Amino acid sequence: MSRVREALPPEPPDRPPPHGSVTVTRIVMPGQANARGTLFGGVALSLMDETAAIVALRHARTSVVTAHIHAVDFRAPILQGEAVEVTATLVSVGRTSMRIRVDTWGEDLQSGERRFCTTAEFVFVAMGADGAPTPVPPLR
């Protein structure tokens, strides 16, 4: 019995580091691609926003809303059937807001070739139960 317990991985921490990052990977399906067979920009932005929201929610531990998206730079397409990988990282914290950098990569799953495709910075604001902005913890 003790051997089985020793072989198991340790339990994950209750809370990830407040300034950690989140990575989400999906396959681009036909309904997410345009007539050229590439990921719709709006679908990419939605996935980026969702991934950034996880970082903001983990840090604030309260409701958050997207307040601003800084310039989005689409550098390369992601093709239908490829993987889209989105990484969001908490960059800075204000009194009620959080700035999160989001980078997106495309990957040809057969060759393993990866391309840097999109980047943006998202600003989220923490919201209290009263619907007003509420303070967030400082970066540690």
Protein backbone atom coordinates (compact mmCIF):
# COMPACT_ATOMS: atom_id res chain seq x y z
CA MET A 1 0.00 0.00 0.00
CA SER A 2 2.76 2.49 0.83
CA ARG A 3 4.40 1.87 -2.55
CA VAL A 4 1.24 2.97 -4.34
CA ARG A 5 1.10 6.18 -2.34
CA GLU A 6 4.76 6.94 -3.03
CA ALA A 7 4.21 6.50 -6.79
CA LEU A 8 1.33 8.96 -6.94
CA PRO A 9 2.14 12.57 -7.83
CA PRO A 10 1.81 15.11 -5.04
CA GLU A 11 -1.55 16.80 -4.61
CA PRO A 12 -1.80 20.07 -6.53
CA PRO A 13 -1.76 23.25 -4.44
CA ASP A 14 -5.13 24.74 -3.50
CA ARG A 15 -4.33 27.91 -5.37
CA PRO A 16 -1.88 28.53 -8.20
CA PRO A 17 0.66 31.33 -7.78
CA PRO A 18 -1.10 34.72 -8.10
CA HIS A 19 1.22 35.84 -10.89
CA GLY A 20 1.30 32.49 -12.64
CA SER A 21 0.24 31.81 -16.17
CA VAL A 22 -2.40 29.67 -17.82
CA THR A 23 -2.08 27.79 -21.11
CA VAL A 24 -5.07 26.50 -23.06
CA THR A 25 -4.72 24.33 -26.17
CA ARG A 26 -7.48 23.51 -28.65
CA ILE A 27 -7.77 22.13 -32.19
CA VAL A 28 -9.15 24.50 -34.84
CA MET A 29 -12.37 22.86 -36.04
CA PRO A 30 -14.20 23.59 -39.33
CA GLY A 31 -16.83 25.79 -37.65
CA GLN A 32 -14.06 28.03 -36.27
CA ALA A 33 -12.39 28.66 -39.62
CA ASN A 34 -13.14 31.18 -42.35
CA ALA A 35 -13.41 30.55 -46.12
CA ARG A 36 -9.59 30.50 -46.34
CA GLY A 37 -9.42 27.67 -43.80
CA THR A 38 -7.86 29.80 -41.06
CA LEU A 39 -9.04 30.51 -37.53
CA PHE A 40 -11.50 33.42 -37.38
CA GLY A 41 -9.96 36.43 -35.62
CA GLY A 42 -13.02 36.70 -33.39
CA VAL A 43 -12.66 33.09 -32.28
CA ALA A 44 -8.98 33.72 -31.49
CA LEU A 45 -9.91 36.82 -29.46
CA SER A 46 -12.59 34.92 -27.58
CA LEU A 47 -10.15 32.17 -26.62
CA MET A 48 -7.55 34.77 -25.62
CA ASP A 49 -10.11 36.62 -23.48
CA GLU A 50 -11.25 33.40 -21.81
CA THR A 51 -7.68 32.34 -21.00
CA ALA A 52 -6.81 35.79 -19.64
CA ALA A 53 -9.99 35.74 -17.54
CA ILE A 54 -8.82 32.57 -15.79
CA VAL A 55 -5.60 34.35 -14.77
CA ALA A 56 -7.55 37.40 -13.57
CA LEU A 57 -10.10 35.30 -11.66
CA ARG A 58 -7.38 33.28 -9.95
CA HIS A 59 -5.64 36.44 -8.82
CA ALA A 60 -8.69 38.50 -7.81
CA ARG A 61 -10.86 35.63 -6.47
CA THR A 62 -13.93 37.68 -7.38
CA SER A 63 -15.86 38.48 -10.55
CA VAL A 64 -13.88 40.22 -13.27
CA VAL A 65 -14.76 42.00 -16.49
CA THR A 66 -12.69 42.75 -19.57
CA ALA A 67 -12.15 46.51 -19.55
CA HIS A 68 -9.70 46.98 -22.41
CA ILE A 69 -7.77 45.09 -25.05
CA HIS A 70 -4.56 46.81 -26.14
CA ALA A 71 -3.52 46.53 -29.79
CA VAL A 72 -3.98 43.01 -31.11
CA ASP A 73 -1.26 41.95 -33.52
CA PHE A 74 -2.17 39.05 -35.84
CA ARG A 75 1.19 37.92 -37.23
CA ALA A 76 0.44 34.50 -38.75
CA PRO A 77 -2.68 32.42 -39.45
CA ILE A 78 -3.65 29.23 -37.65
CA LEU A 79 -5.05 26.64 -40.03
CA GLN A 80 -8.06 24.39 -39.60
CA GLY A 81 -6.87 21.13 -38.02
CA GLU A 82 -3.92 22.76 -36.29
CA ALA A 83 -3.58 23.31 -32.56
CA VAL A 84 -4.03 26.80 -31.19
CA GLU A 85 -2.16 27.36 -27.93
CA VAL A 86 -2.94 30.43 -25.84
CA THR A 87 -0.78 31.49 -22.88
CA ALA A 88 -1.89 34.28 -20.54
CA THR A 89 0.40 35.77 -17.90
CA LEU A 90 -0.33 38.37 -15.23
CA VAL A 91 1.97 41.33 -15.92
CA SER A 92 0.90 43.98 -13.43
CA VAL A 93 -1.77 44.87 -10.89
CA GLY A 94 -3.37 48.22 -10.11
CA ARG A 95 -5.81 49.02 -7.33
CA THR A 96 -8.79 47.30 -9.02
CA SER A 97 -7.31 46.22 -12.36
CA MET A 98 -4.97 43.59 -13.74
CA ARG A 99 -2.94 43.68 -16.97
CA ILE A 100 -2.47 40.31 -18.65
CA ARG A 101 -0.26 39.52 -21.66
CA VAL A 102 -1.69 36.89 -23.99
CA ASP A 103 0.35 35.10 -26.67
CA THR A 104 -1.07 32.67 -29.22
CA TRP A 105 0.80 29.97 -31.11
CA GLY A 106 -0.24 27.72 -33.98
CA GLU A 107 1.07 24.19 -34.27
CA ASP A 108 1.00 21.77 -37.17
CA LEU A 109 0.27 18.60 -35.22
CA GLN A 110 1.80 16.34 -37.87
CA SER A 111 5.14 18.10 -38.32
CA GLY A 112 5.37 19.72 -34.88
CA GLU A 113 6.13 23.13 -36.46
CA ARG A 114 5.08 25.98 -34.14
CA ARG A 115 4.45 29.60 -35.15
CA PHE A 116 3.96 32.68 -33.00
CA CYS A 117 0.64 34.03 -34.27
CA THR A 118 -1.02 36.65 -32.09
CA THR A 119 -0.29 38.83 -29.09
CA ALA A 120 -2.28 41.36 -27.06
CA GLU A 121 -2.61 42.77 -23.57
CA PHE A 122 -5.93 42.54 -21.77
CA VAL A 123 -7.00 44.68 -18.83
CA PHE A 124 -9.50 43.19 -16.39
CA VAL A 125 -11.27 44.97 -13.55
CA ALA A 126 -12.36 43.13 -10.40
CA MET A 127 -16.02 43.64 -9.52
CA GLY A 128 -17.59 43.48 -6.07
CA ALA A 129 -21.04 42.10 -5.25
CA ASP A 130 -22.39 45.66 -5.54
CA GLY A 131 -21.27 45.83 -9.19
CA ALA A 132 -18.57 48.41 -8.48
CA PRO A 133 -14.82 47.92 -8.98
CA THR A 134 -13.19 46.32 -5.97
CA PRO A 135 -9.52 46.16 -4.88
CA VAL A 136 -7.34 43.24 -5.91
CA PRO A 137 -4.37 41.80 -4.02
CA PRO A 138 -0.95 43.19 -4.95
CA LEU A 139 1.56 41.03 -6.81
CA ARG A 140 3.70 39.01 -4.45
